[in-house]
Amino acid sequence: TFGGVFARESVREAFLKTVPRQQLVETIVQELNPDAEPLDSQLFLPD
């Protein structure tokens, strides 16, 4: 949310640096889709 604790871009960036996207994919998705990787676009999907 662009306000409150995340009003400053630096705090938003700090939080995003902690997000374990690779671990999320490995834990939640890769057993079903071994080729799955963290998503690197907000507007497009890998296919």
ModelCIF file with pLDDT and N, C-alpha, C, O atoms, coordinates in Angstrom:
data_MODEL
#
_entry.id   MODEL 
#
_entity.id                         1 
_entity.type                       polymer 
_entity.pdbx_number_of_molecules   1 
#
_entity_poly.entity_id                      1 
_entity_poly.type                           'polypeptide(L)' 
_entity_poly.nstd_linkage                   no 
_entity_poly.nstd_monomer                   no 
_entity_poly.pdbx_seq_one_letter_code       TFGGVFARESVREAFLKTVPRQQLVETIVQELNPDAEPLDSQLFLPD 
_entity_poly.pdbx_seq_one_letter_code_can   TFGGVFARESVREAFLKTVPRQQLVETIVQELNPDAEPLDSQLFLPD 
_entity_poly.pdbx_strand_id                 A 
#
loop_
_entity_poly_seq.entity_id 
_entity_poly_seq.num 
_entity_poly_seq.mon_id 
_entity_poly_seq.hetero 
1 1  THR n 
1 2  PHE n 
1 3  GLY n 
1 4  GLY n 
1 5  VAL n 
1 6  PHE n 
1 7  ALA n 
1 8  ARG n 
1 9  GLU n 
1 10 SER n 
1 11 VAL n 
1 12 ARG n 
1 13 GLU n 
1 14 ALA n 
1 15 PHE n 
1 16 LEU n 
1 17 LYS n 
1 18 THR n 
1 19 VAL n 
1 20 PRO n 
1 21 ARG n 
1 22 GLN n 
1 23 GLN n 
1 24 LEU n 
1 25 VAL n 
1 26 GLU n 
1 27 THR n 
1 28 ILE n 
1 29 VAL n 
1 30 GLN n 
1 31 GLU n 
1 32 LEU n 
1 33 ASN n 
1 34 PRO n 
1 35 ASP n 
1 36 ALA n 
1 37 GLU n 
1 38 PRO n 
1 39 LEU n 
1 40 ASP n 
1 41 SER n 
1 42 GLN n 
1 43 LEU n 
1 44 PHE n 
1 45 LEU n 
1 46 PRO n 
1 47 ASP n 
#
_struct_asym.id          A 
_struct_asym.entity_id   1 
#
loop_
_ma_qa_metric.id 
_ma_qa_metric.mode 
_ma_qa_metric.name 
_ma_qa_metric.software_group_id 
_ma_qa_metric.type 
1 global pLDDT . pLDDT 
2 local  pLDDT . pLDDT 
#
_ma_qa_metric_global.metric_id      1 
_ma_qa_metric_global.metric_value   93.87 
_ma_qa_metric_global.model_id       1 
_ma_qa_metric_global.ordinal_id     1 
#
loop_
_ma_qa_metric_local.label_asym_id 
_ma_qa_metric_local.label_comp_id 
_ma_qa_metric_local.label_seq_id 
_ma_qa_metric_local.metric_id 
_ma_qa_metric_local.metric_value 
_ma_qa_metric_local.model_id 
_ma_qa_metric_local.ordinal_id 
A THR 1  2 96.00 1 1  
A PHE 2  2 95.00 1 2  
A GLY 3  2 92.00 1 3  
A GLY 4  2 94.00 1 4  
A VAL 5  2 97.00 1 5  
A PHE 6  2 97.00 1 6  
A ALA 7  2 95.00 1 7  
A ARG 8  2 96.00 1 8  
A GLU 9  2 97.00 1 9  
A SER 10 2 97.00 1 10 
A VAL 11 2 98.00 1 11 
A ARG 12 2 98.00 1 12 
A GLU 13 2 98.00 1 13 
A ALA 14 2 98.00 1 14 
A PHE 15 2 98.00 1 15 
A LEU 16 2 98.00 1 16 
A LYS 17 2 98.00 1 17 
A THR 18 2 98.00 1 18 
A VAL 19 2 98.00 1 19 
A PRO 20 2 98.00 1 20 
A ARG 21 2 97.00 1 21 
A GLN 22 2 97.00 1 22 
A GLN 23 2 97.00 1 23 
A LEU 24 2 96.00 1 24 
A VAL 25 2 95.00 1 25 
A GLU 26 2 94.00 1 26 
A THR 27 2 93.00 1 27 
A ILE 28 2 90.00 1 28 
A VAL 29 2 90.00 1 29 
A GLN 30 2 89.00 1 30 
A GLU 31 2 83.00 1 31 
A LEU 32 2 83.00 1 32 
A ASN 33 2 85.00 1 33 
A PRO 34 2 87.00 1 34 
A ASP 35 2 89.00 1 35 
A ALA 36 2 91.00 1 36 
A GLU 37 2 95.00 1 37 
A PRO 38 2 96.00 1 38 
A LEU 39 2 96.00 1 39 
A ASP 40 2 97.00 1 40 
A SER 41 2 96.00 1 41 
A GLN 42 2 95.00 1 42 
A LEU 43 2 93.00 1 43 
A PHE 44 2 92.00 1 44 
A LEU 45 2 89.00 1 45 
A PRO 46 2 90.00 1 46 
A ASP 47 2 81.00 1 47 
#
loop_
_atom_site.group_PDB 
_atom_site.id 
_atom_site.type_symbol 
_atom_site.label_atom_id 
_atom_site.label_alt_id 
_atom_site.label_comp_id 
_atom_site.label_asym_id 
_atom_site.label_entity_id 
_atom_site.label_seq_id 
_atom_site.pdbx_PDB_ins_code 
_atom_site.Cartn_x 
_atom_site.Cartn_y 
_atom_site.Cartn_z 
_atom_site.occupancy 
_atom_site.B_iso_or_equiv 
_atom_site.pdbx_formal_charge 
_atom_site.auth_seq_id 
_atom_site.auth_comp_id 
_atom_site.auth_asym_id 
_atom_site.auth_atom_id 
_atom_site.pdbx_PDB_model_num 
ATOM 1   N N  . THR A 1 1  ? 0.834  -1.195  0.000   1.00 96.00 ? 1  THR A N  1 
ATOM 2   C CA . THR A 1 1  ? 0.000  0.000   0.000   1.00 96.00 ? 1  THR A CA 1 
ATOM 3   C C  . THR A 1 1  ? 0.875  1.253   0.000   1.00 96.00 ? 1  THR A C  1 
ATOM 4   O O  . THR A 1 1  ? 1.795  1.387   0.807   1.00 96.00 ? 1  THR A O  1 
ATOM 5   N N  . PHE A 1 2  ? 0.565  2.174   -0.930  1.00 95.00 ? 2  PHE A N  1 
ATOM 6   C CA . PHE A 1 2  ? 1.353  3.403   -1.062  1.00 95.00 ? 2  PHE A CA 1 
ATOM 7   C C  . PHE A 1 2  ? 0.886  4.431   -0.028  1.00 95.00 ? 2  PHE A C  1 
ATOM 8   O O  . PHE A 1 2  ? 0.280  5.444   -0.377  1.00 95.00 ? 2  PHE A O  1 
ATOM 9   N N  . GLY A 1 3  ? 1.170  4.165   1.214   1.00 92.00 ? 3  GLY A N  1 
ATOM 10  C CA . GLY A 1 3  ? 0.771  5.024   2.308   1.00 92.00 ? 3  GLY A CA 1 
ATOM 11  C C  . GLY A 1 3  ? 1.134  4.342   3.606   1.00 92.00 ? 3  GLY A C  1 
ATOM 12  O O  . GLY A 1 3  ? 1.568  3.190   3.601   1.00 92.00 ? 3  GLY A O  1 
ATOM 13  N N  . GLY A 1 4  ? 0.962  5.039   4.728   1.00 94.00 ? 4  GLY A N  1 
ATOM 14  C CA . GLY A 1 4  ? 1.271  4.436   6.015   1.00 94.00 ? 4  GLY A CA 1 
ATOM 15  C C  . GLY A 1 4  ? 2.723  4.016   6.094   1.00 94.00 ? 4  GLY A C  1 
ATOM 16  O O  . GLY A 1 4  ? 3.619  4.784   5.744   1.00 94.00 ? 4  GLY A O  1 
ATOM 17  N N  . VAL A 1 5  ? 2.954  2.807   6.549   1.00 97.00 ? 5  VAL A N  1 
ATOM 18  C CA . VAL A 1 5  ? 4.317  2.318   6.737   1.00 97.00 ? 5  VAL A CA 1 
ATOM 19  C C  . VAL A 1 5  ? 5.084  2.259   5.419   1.00 97.00 ? 5  VAL A C  1 
ATOM 20  O O  . VAL A 1 5  ? 6.312  2.340   5.420   1.00 97.00 ? 5  VAL A O  1 
ATOM 21  N N  . PHE A 1 6  ? 4.385  2.122   4.305   1.00 97.00 ? 6  PHE A N  1 
ATOM 22  C CA . PHE A 1 6  ? 5.044  2.011   3.004   1.00 97.00 ? 6  PHE A CA 1 
ATOM 23  C C  . PHE A 1 6  ? 4.963  3.293   2.189   1.00 97.00 ? 6  PHE A C  1 
ATOM 24  O O  . PHE A 1 6  ? 5.104  3.254   0.966   1.00 97.00 ? 6  PHE A O  1 
ATOM 25  N N  . ALA A 1 7  ? 4.738  4.428   2.840   1.00 95.00 ? 7  ALA A N  1 
ATOM 26  C CA . ALA A 1 7  ? 4.699  5.697   2.114   1.00 95.00 ? 7  ALA A CA 1 
ATOM 27  C C  . ALA A 1 7  ? 6.061  6.008   1.476   1.00 95.00 ? 7  ALA A C  1 
ATOM 28  O O  . ALA A 1 7  ? 6.124  6.615   0.407   1.00 95.00 ? 7  ALA A O  1 
ATOM 29  N N  . ARG A 1 8  ? 7.140  5.592   2.131   1.00 96.00 ? 8  ARG A N  1 
ATOM 30  C CA . ARG A 1 8  ? 8.496  5.834   1.609   1.00 96.00 ? 8  ARG A CA 1 
ATOM 31  C C  . ARG A 1 8  ? 8.906  4.676   0.705   1.00 96.00 ? 8  ARG A C  1 
ATOM 32  O O  . ARG A 1 8  ? 8.739  3.505   1.044   1.00 96.00 ? 8  ARG A O  1 
ATOM 33  N N  . GLU A 1 9  ? 9.447  5.040   -0.454  1.00 97.00 ? 9  GLU A N  1 
ATOM 34  C CA . GLU A 1 9  ? 9.885  4.030   -1.411  1.00 97.00 ? 9  GLU A CA 1 
ATOM 35  C C  . GLU A 1 9  ? 10.973 3.144   -0.828  1.00 97.00 ? 9  GLU A C  1 
ATOM 36  O O  . GLU A 1 9  ? 11.026 1.954   -1.136  1.00 97.00 ? 9  GLU A O  1 
ATOM 37  N N  . SER A 1 10 ? 11.829 3.693   -0.004  1.00 97.00 ? 10 SER A N  1 
ATOM 38  C CA . SER A 1 10 ? 12.931 2.905   0.555   1.00 97.00 ? 10 SER A CA 1 
ATOM 39  C C  . SER A 1 10 ? 12.414 1.780   1.449   1.00 97.00 ? 10 SER A C  1 
ATOM 40  O O  . SER A 1 10 ? 12.996 0.696   1.481   1.00 97.00 ? 10 SER A O  1 
ATOM 41  N N  . VAL A 1 11 ? 11.313 2.034   2.179   1.00 98.00 ? 11 VAL A N  1 
ATOM 42  C CA . VAL A 1 11 ? 10.747 0.989   3.034   1.00 98.00 ? 11 VAL A CA 1 
ATOM 43  C C  . VAL A 1 11 ? 10.086 -0.083  2.170   1.00 98.00 ? 11 VAL A C  1 
ATOM 44  O O  . VAL A 1 11 ? 10.175 -1.273  2.469   1.00 98.00 ? 11 VAL A O  1 
ATOM 45  N N  . ARG A 1 12 ? 9.420  0.351   1.092   1.00 98.00 ? 12 ARG A N  1 
ATOM 46  C CA . ARG A 1 12 ? 8.840  -0.639  0.179   1.00 98.00 ? 12 ARG A CA 1 
ATOM 47  C C  . ARG A 1 12 ? 9.942  -1.522  -0.410  1.00 98.00 ? 12 ARG A C  1 
ATOM 48  O O  . ARG A 1 12 ? 9.812  -2.745  -0.464  1.00 98.00 ? 12 ARG A O  1 
ATOM 49  N N  . GLU A 1 13 ? 11.021 -0.885  -0.849  1.00 98.00 ? 13 GLU A N  1 
ATOM 50  C CA . GLU A 1 13 ? 12.109 -1.652  -1.449  1.00 98.00 ? 13 GLU A CA 1 
ATOM 51  C C  . GLU A 1 13 ? 12.730 -2.609  -0.435  1.00 98.00 ? 13 GLU A C  1 
ATOM 52  O O  . GLU A 1 13 ? 13.073 -3.743  -0.769  1.00 98.00 ? 13 GLU A O  1 
ATOM 53  N N  . ALA A 1 14 ? 12.871 -2.148  0.798   1.00 98.00 ? 14 ALA A N  1 
ATOM 54  C CA . ALA A 1 14 ? 13.441 -3.011  1.835   1.00 98.00 ? 14 ALA A CA 1 
ATOM 55  C C  . ALA A 1 14 ? 12.584 -4.258  2.025   1.00 98.00 ? 14 ALA A C  1 
ATOM 56  O O  . ALA A 1 14 ? 13.107 -5.368  2.124   1.00 98.00 ? 14 ALA A O  1 
ATOM 57  N N  . PHE A 1 15 ? 11.273 -4.072  2.074   1.00 98.00 ? 15 PHE A N  1 
ATOM 58  C CA . PHE A 1 15 ? 10.392 -5.225  2.288   1.00 98.00 ? 15 PHE A CA 1 
ATOM 59  C C  . PHE A 1 15 ? 10.474 -6.187  1.100   1.00 98.00 ? 15 PHE A C  1 
ATOM 60  O O  . PHE A 1 15 ? 10.520 -7.404  1.283   1.00 98.00 ? 15 PHE A O  1 
ATOM 61  N N  . LEU A 1 16 ? 10.493 -5.641  -0.103  1.00 98.00 ? 16 LEU A N  1 
ATOM 62  C CA . LEU A 1 16 ? 10.538 -6.496  -1.286  1.00 98.00 ? 16 LEU A CA 1 
ATOM 63  C C  . LEU A 1 16 ? 11.834 -7.291  -1.354  1.00 98.00 ? 16 LEU A C  1 
ATOM 64  O O  . LEU A 1 16 ? 11.852 -8.404  -1.879  1.00 98.00 ? 16 LEU A O  1 
ATOM 65  N N  . LYS A 1 17 ? 12.911 -6.734  -0.831  1.00 98.00 ? 17 LYS A N  1 
ATOM 66  C CA . LYS A 1 17 ? 14.187 -7.463  -0.818  1.00 98.00 ? 17 LYS A CA 1 
ATOM 67  C C  . LYS A 1 17 ? 14.130 -8.711  0.062   1.00 98.00 ? 17 LYS A C  1 
ATOM 68  O O  . LYS A 1 17 ? 14.955 -9.613  -0.087  1.00 98.00 ? 17 LYS A O  1 
ATOM 69  N N  . THR A 1 18 ? 13.164 -8.767  0.974   1.00 98.00 ? 18 THR A N  1 
ATOM 70  C CA . THR A 1 18 ? 13.076 -9.912  1.883   1.00 98.00 ? 18 THR A CA 1 
ATOM 71  C C  . THR A 1 18 ? 12.191 -11.034 1.346   1.00 98.00 ? 18 THR A C  1 
ATOM 72  O O  . THR A 1 18 ? 12.171 -12.122 1.921   1.00 98.00 ? 18 THR A O  1 
ATOM 73  N N  . VAL A 1 19 ? 11.468 -10.797 0.272   1.00 98.00 ? 19 VAL A N  1 
ATOM 74  C CA . VAL A 1 19 ? 10.467 -11.770 -0.195  1.00 98.00 ? 19 VAL A CA 1 
ATOM 75  C C  . VAL A 1 19 ? 11.164 -12.963 -0.856  1.00 98.00 ? 19 VAL A C  1 
ATOM 76  O O  . VAL A 1 19 ? 11.869 -12.786 -1.849  1.00 98.00 ? 19 VAL A O  1 
ATOM 77  N N  . PRO A 1 20 ? 10.979 -14.163 -0.327  1.00 98.00 ? 20 PRO A N  1 
ATOM 78  C CA . PRO A 1 20 ? 11.675 -15.354 -0.856  1.00 98.00 ? 20 PRO A CA 1 
ATOM 79  C C  . PRO A 1 20 ? 10.912 -15.967 -2.031  1.00 98.00 ? 20 PRO A C  1 
ATOM 80  O O  . PRO A 1 20 ? 10.315 -17.037 -1.909  1.00 98.00 ? 20 PRO A O  1 
ATOM 81  N N  . ARG A 1 21 ? 10.943 -15.275 -3.162  1.00 97.00 ? 21 ARG A N  1 
ATOM 82  C CA . ARG A 1 21 ? 10.126 -15.729 -4.288  1.00 97.00 ? 21 ARG A CA 1 
ATOM 83  C C  . ARG A 1 21 ? 10.534 -17.127 -4.775  1.00 97.00 ? 21 ARG A C  1 
ATOM 84  O O  . ARG A 1 21 ? 9.671  -17.945 -5.094  1.00 97.00 ? 21 ARG A O  1 
ATOM 85  N N  . GLN A 1 22 ? 11.820 -17.399 -4.834  1.00 97.00 ? 22 GLN A N  1 
ATOM 86  C CA . GLN A 1 22 ? 12.266 -18.718 -5.290  1.00 97.00 ? 22 GLN A CA 1 
ATOM 87  C C  . GLN A 1 22 ? 11.774 -19.810 -4.342  1.00 97.00 ? 22 GLN A C  1 
ATOM 88  O O  . GLN A 1 22 ? 11.350 -20.879 -4.781  1.00 97.00 ? 22 GLN A O  1 
ATOM 89  N N  . GLN A 1 23 ? 11.833 -19.530 -3.039  1.00 97.00 ? 23 GLN A N  1 
ATOM 90  C CA . GLN A 1 23 ? 11.358 -20.510 -2.066  1.00 97.00 ? 23 GLN A CA 1 
ATOM 91  C C  . GLN A 1 23 ? 9.851  -20.728 -2.207  1.00 97.00 ? 23 GLN A C  1 
ATOM 92  O O  . GLN A 1 23 ? 9.368  -21.853 -2.075  1.00 97.00 ? 23 GLN A O  1 
ATOM 93  N N  . LEU A 1 24 ? 9.110  -19.649 -2.476  1.00 96.00 ? 24 LEU A N  1 
ATOM 94  C CA . LEU A 1 24 ? 7.666  -19.773 -2.670  1.00 96.00 ? 24 LEU A CA 1 
ATOM 95  C C  . LEU A 1 24 ? 7.366  -20.695 -3.854  1.00 96.00 ? 24 LEU A C  1 
ATOM 96  O O  . LEU A 1 24 ? 6.507  -21.573 -3.772  1.00 96.00 ? 24 LEU A O  1 
ATOM 97  N N  . VAL A 1 25 ? 8.083  -20.481 -4.946  1.00 95.00 ? 25 VAL A N  1 
ATOM 98  C CA . VAL A 1 25 ? 7.856  -21.302 -6.134  1.00 95.00 ? 25 VAL A CA 1 
ATOM 99  C C  . VAL A 1 25 ? 8.204  -22.759 -5.852  1.00 95.00 ? 25 VAL A C  1 
ATOM 100 O O  . VAL A 1 25 ? 7.452  -23.663 -6.215  1.00 95.00 ? 25 VAL A O  1 
ATOM 101 N N  . GLU A 1 26 ? 9.343  -22.984 -5.204  1.00 94.00 ? 26 GLU A N  1 
ATOM 102 C CA . GLU A 1 26 ? 9.766  -24.347 -4.914  1.00 94.00 ? 26 GLU A CA 1 
ATOM 103 C C  . GLU A 1 26 ? 8.791  -25.047 -3.977  1.00 94.00 ? 26 GLU A C  1 
ATOM 104 O O  . GLU A 1 26 ? 8.521  -26.237 -4.137  1.00 94.00 ? 26 GLU A O  1 
ATOM 105 N N  . THR A 1 27 ? 8.264  -24.319 -3.009  1.00 93.00 ? 27 THR A N  1 
ATOM 106 C CA . THR A 1 27 ? 7.384  -24.915 -1.998  1.00 93.00 ? 27 THR A CA 1 
ATOM 107 C C  . THR A 1 27 ? 5.969  -25.133 -2.519  1.00 93.00 ? 27 THR A C  1 
ATOM 108 O O  . THR A 1 27 ? 5.350  -26.155 -2.223  1.00 93.00 ? 27 THR A O  1 
ATOM 109 N N  . ILE A 1 28 ? 5.454  -24.177 -3.293  1.00 90.00 ? 28 ILE A N  1 
ATOM 110 C CA . ILE A 1 28 ? 4.041  -24.181 -3.656  1.00 90.00 ? 28 ILE A CA 1 
ATOM 111 C C  . ILE A 1 28 ? 3.778  -24.711 -5.061  1.00 90.00 ? 28 ILE A C  1 
ATOM 112 O O  . ILE A 1 28 ? 2.760  -25.363 -5.292  1.00 90.00 ? 28 ILE A O  1 
ATOM 113 N N  . VAL A 1 29 ? 4.682  -24.439 -6.002  1.00 90.00 ? 29 VAL A N  1 
ATOM 114 C CA . VAL A 1 29 ? 4.355  -24.679 -7.409  1.00 90.00 ? 29 VAL A CA 1 
ATOM 115 C C  . VAL A 1 29 ? 5.165  -25.790 -8.057  1.00 90.00 ? 29 VAL A C  1 
ATOM 116 O O  . VAL A 1 29 ? 4.626  -26.549 -8.862  1.00 90.00 ? 29 VAL A O  1 
ATOM 117 N N  . GLN A 1 30 ? 6.467  -25.907 -7.721  1.00 89.00 ? 30 GLN A N  1 
ATOM 118 C CA . GLN A 1 30 ? 7.333  -26.765 -8.525  1.00 89.00 ? 30 GLN A CA 1 
ATOM 119 C C  . GLN A 1 30 ? 7.017  -28.251 -8.426  1.00 89.00 ? 30 GLN A C  1 
ATOM 120 O O  . GLN A 1 30 ? 7.337  -29.006 -9.344  1.00 89.00 ? 30 GLN A O  1 
ATOM 121 N N  . GLU A 1 31 ? 6.406  -28.682 -7.350  1.00 83.00 ? 31 GLU A N  1 
ATOM 122 C CA . GLU A 1 31 ? 6.023  -30.090 -7.307  1.00 83.00 ? 31 GLU A CA 1 
ATOM 123 C C  . GLU A 1 31 ? 4.996  -30.411 -8.370  1.00 83.00 ? 31 GLU A C  1 
ATOM 124 O O  . GLU A 1 31 ? 4.939  -31.530 -8.879  1.00 83.00 ? 31 GLU A O  1 
ATOM 125 N N  . LEU A 1 32 ? 4.190  -29.427 -8.699  1.00 83.00 ? 32 LEU A N  1 
ATOM 126 C CA . LEU A 1 32 ? 3.171  -29.611 -9.729  1.00 83.00 ? 32 LEU A CA 1 
ATOM 127 C C  . LEU A 1 32 ? 3.711  -29.258 -11.105 1.00 83.00 ? 32 LEU A C  1 
ATOM 128 O O  . LEU A 1 32 ? 3.364  -29.898 -12.098 1.00 83.00 ? 32 LEU A O  1 
ATOM 129 N N  . ASN A 1 33 ? 4.564  -28.236 -11.161 1.00 85.00 ? 33 ASN A N  1 
ATOM 130 C CA . ASN A 1 33 ? 5.172  -27.807 -12.418 1.00 85.00 ? 33 ASN A CA 1 
ATOM 131 C C  . ASN A 1 33 ? 6.660  -27.608 -12.184 1.00 85.00 ? 33 ASN A C  1 
ATOM 132 O O  . ASN A 1 33 ? 7.076  -26.525 -11.772 1.00 85.00 ? 33 ASN A O  1 
ATOM 133 N N  . PRO A 1 34 ? 7.467  -28.624 -12.438 1.00 87.00 ? 34 PRO A N  1 
ATOM 134 C CA . PRO A 1 34 ? 8.907  -28.539 -12.139 1.00 87.00 ? 34 PRO A CA 1 
ATOM 135 C C  . PRO A 1 34 ? 9.611  -27.405 -12.874 1.00 87.00 ? 34 PRO A C  1 
ATOM 136 O O  . PRO A 1 34 ? 10.675 -26.963 -12.440 1.00 87.00 ? 34 PRO A O  1 
ATOM 137 N N  . ASP A 1 35 ? 9.043  -26.928 -13.972 1.00 89.00 ? 35 ASP A N  1 
ATOM 138 C CA . ASP A 1 35 ? 9.671  -25.859 -14.744 1.00 89.00 ? 35 ASP A CA 1 
ATOM 139 C C  . ASP A 1 35 ? 9.284  -24.465 -14.256 1.00 89.00 ? 35 ASP A C  1 
ATOM 140 O O  . ASP A 1 35 ? 9.755  -23.468 -14.803 1.00 89.00 ? 35 ASP A O  1 
ATOM 141 N N  . ALA A 1 36 ? 8.446  -24.384 -13.252 1.00 91.00 ? 36 ALA A N  1 
ATOM 142 C CA . ALA A 1 36 ? 7.964  -23.077 -12.784 1.00 91.00 ? 36 ALA A CA 1 
ATOM 143 C C  . ALA A 1 36 ? 9.106  -22.251 -12.203 1.00 91.00 ? 36 ALA A C  1 
ATOM 144 O O  . ALA A 1 36 ? 10.010 -22.781 -11.557 1.00 91.00 ? 36 ALA A O  1 
ATOM 145 N N  . GLU A 1 37 ? 9.047  -20.949 -12.445 1.00 95.00 ? 37 GLU A N  1 
ATOM 146 C CA . GLU A 1 37 ? 10.024 -20.004 -11.916 1.00 95.00 ? 37 GLU A CA 1 
ATOM 147 C C  . GLU A 1 37 ? 9.283  -18.796 -11.365 1.00 95.00 ? 37 GLU A C  1 
ATOM 148 O O  . GLU A 1 37 ? 8.111  -18.592 -11.683 1.00 95.00 ? 37 GLU A O  1 
ATOM 149 N N  . PRO A 1 38 ? 9.956  -17.983 -10.535 1.00 96.00 ? 38 PRO A N  1 
ATOM 150 C CA . PRO A 1 38 ? 9.312  -16.752 -10.068 1.00 96.00 ? 38 PRO A CA 1 
ATOM 151 C C  . PRO A 1 38 ? 8.875  -15.900 -11.261 1.00 96.00 ? 38 PRO A C  1 
ATOM 152 O O  . PRO A 1 38 ? 9.578  -15.818 -12.268 1.00 96.00 ? 38 PRO A O  1 
ATOM 153 N N  . LEU A 1 39 ? 7.741  -15.287 -11.137 1.00 96.00 ? 39 LEU A N  1 
ATOM 154 C CA . LEU A 1 39 ? 7.199  -14.471 -12.224 1.00 96.00 ? 39 LEU A CA 1 
ATOM 155 C C  . LEU A 1 39 ? 7.878  -13.108 -12.221 1.00 96.00 ? 39 LEU A C  1 
ATOM 156 O O  . LEU A 1 39 ? 7.984  -12.462 -11.179 1.00 96.00 ? 39 LEU A O  1 
ATOM 157 N N  . ASP A 1 40 ? 8.339  -12.671 -13.397 1.00 97.00 ? 40 ASP A N  1 
ATOM 158 C CA . ASP A 1 40 ? 9.117  -11.435 -13.498 1.00 97.00 ? 40 ASP A CA 1 
ATOM 159 C C  . ASP A 1 40 ? 8.411  -10.352 -14.312 1.00 97.00 ? 40 ASP A C  1 
ATOM 160 O O  . ASP A 1 40 ? 9.072  -9.511  -14.920 1.00 97.00 ? 40 ASP A O  1 
ATOM 161 N N  . SER A 1 41 ? 7.108  -10.363 -14.330 1.00 96.00 ? 41 SER A N  1 
ATOM 162 C CA . SER A 1 41 ? 6.351  -9.298  -15.002 1.00 96.00 ? 41 SER A CA 1 
ATOM 163 C C  . SER A 1 41 ? 5.014  -9.131  -14.304 1.00 96.00 ? 41 SER A C  1 
ATOM 164 O O  . SER A 1 41 ? 4.408  -10.102 -13.850 1.00 96.00 ? 41 SER A O  1 
ATOM 165 N N  . GLN A 1 42 ? 4.557  -7.874  -14.223 1.00 95.00 ? 42 GLN A N  1 
ATOM 166 C CA . GLN A 1 42 ? 3.236  -7.594  -13.674 1.00 95.00 ? 42 GLN A CA 1 
ATOM 167 C C  . GLN A 1 42 ? 2.147  -7.666  -14.744 1.00 95.00 ? 42 GLN A C  1 
ATOM 168 O O  . GLN A 1 42 ? 0.962  -7.715  -14.415 1.00 95.00 ? 42 GLN A O  1 
ATOM 169 N N  . LEU A 1 43 ? 2.536  -7.671  -16.023 1.00 93.00 ? 43 LEU A N  1 
ATOM 170 C CA . LEU A 1 43 ? 1.550  -7.578  -17.097 1.00 93.00 ? 43 LEU A CA 1 
ATOM 171 C C  . LEU A 1 43 ? 1.534  -8.774  -18.043 1.00 93.00 ? 43 LEU A C  1 
ATOM 172 O O  . LEU A 1 43 ? 0.556  -8.976  -18.762 1.00 93.00 ? 43 LEU A O  1 
ATOM 173 N N  . PHE A 1 44 ? 2.593  -9.563  -18.053 1.00 92.00 ? 44 PHE A N  1 
ATOM 174 C CA . PHE A 1 44 ? 2.673  -10.694 -18.971 1.00 92.00 ? 44 PHE A CA 1 
ATOM 175 C C  . PHE A 1 44 ? 2.955  -11.972 -18.198 1.00 92.00 ? 44 PHE A C  1 
ATOM 176 O O  . PHE A 1 44 ? 3.540  -11.947 -17.116 1.00 92.00 ? 44 PHE A O  1 
ATOM 177 N N  . LEU A 1 45 ? 2.526  -13.093 -18.778 1.00 89.00 ? 45 LEU A N  1 
ATOM 178 C CA . LEU A 1 45 ? 2.813  -14.404 -18.228 1.00 89.00 ? 45 LEU A CA 1 
ATOM 179 C C  . LEU A 1 45 ? 3.853  -15.100 -19.111 1.00 89.00 ? 45 LEU A C  1 
ATOM 180 O O  . LEU A 1 45 ? 4.004  -14.734 -20.276 1.00 89.00 ? 45 LEU A O  1 
ATOM 181 N N  . PRO A 1 46 ? 4.572  -16.097 -18.580 1.00 90.00 ? 46 PRO A N  1 
ATOM 182 C CA . PRO A 1 46 ? 5.683  -16.698 -19.321 1.00 90.00 ? 46 PRO A CA 1 
ATOM 183 C C  . PRO A 1 46 ? 5.301  -17.285 -20.672 1.00 90.00 ? 46 PRO A C  1 
ATOM 184 O O  . PRO A 1 46 ? 6.146  -17.343 -21.566 1.00 90.00 ? 46 PRO A O  1 
ATOM 185 N N  . ASP A 1 47 ? 4.052  -17.725 -20.854 1.00 81.00 ? 47 ASP A N  1 
ATOM 186 C CA . ASP A 1 47 ? 3.669  -18.299 -22.128 1.00 81.00 ? 47 ASP A CA 1 
ATOM 187 C C  . ASP A 1 47 ? 3.161  -17.250 -23.114 1.00 81.00 ? 47 ASP A C  1 
ATOM 188 O O  . ASP A 1 47 ? 2.798  -17.586 -24.241 1.00 81.00 ? 47 ASP A O  1 
#
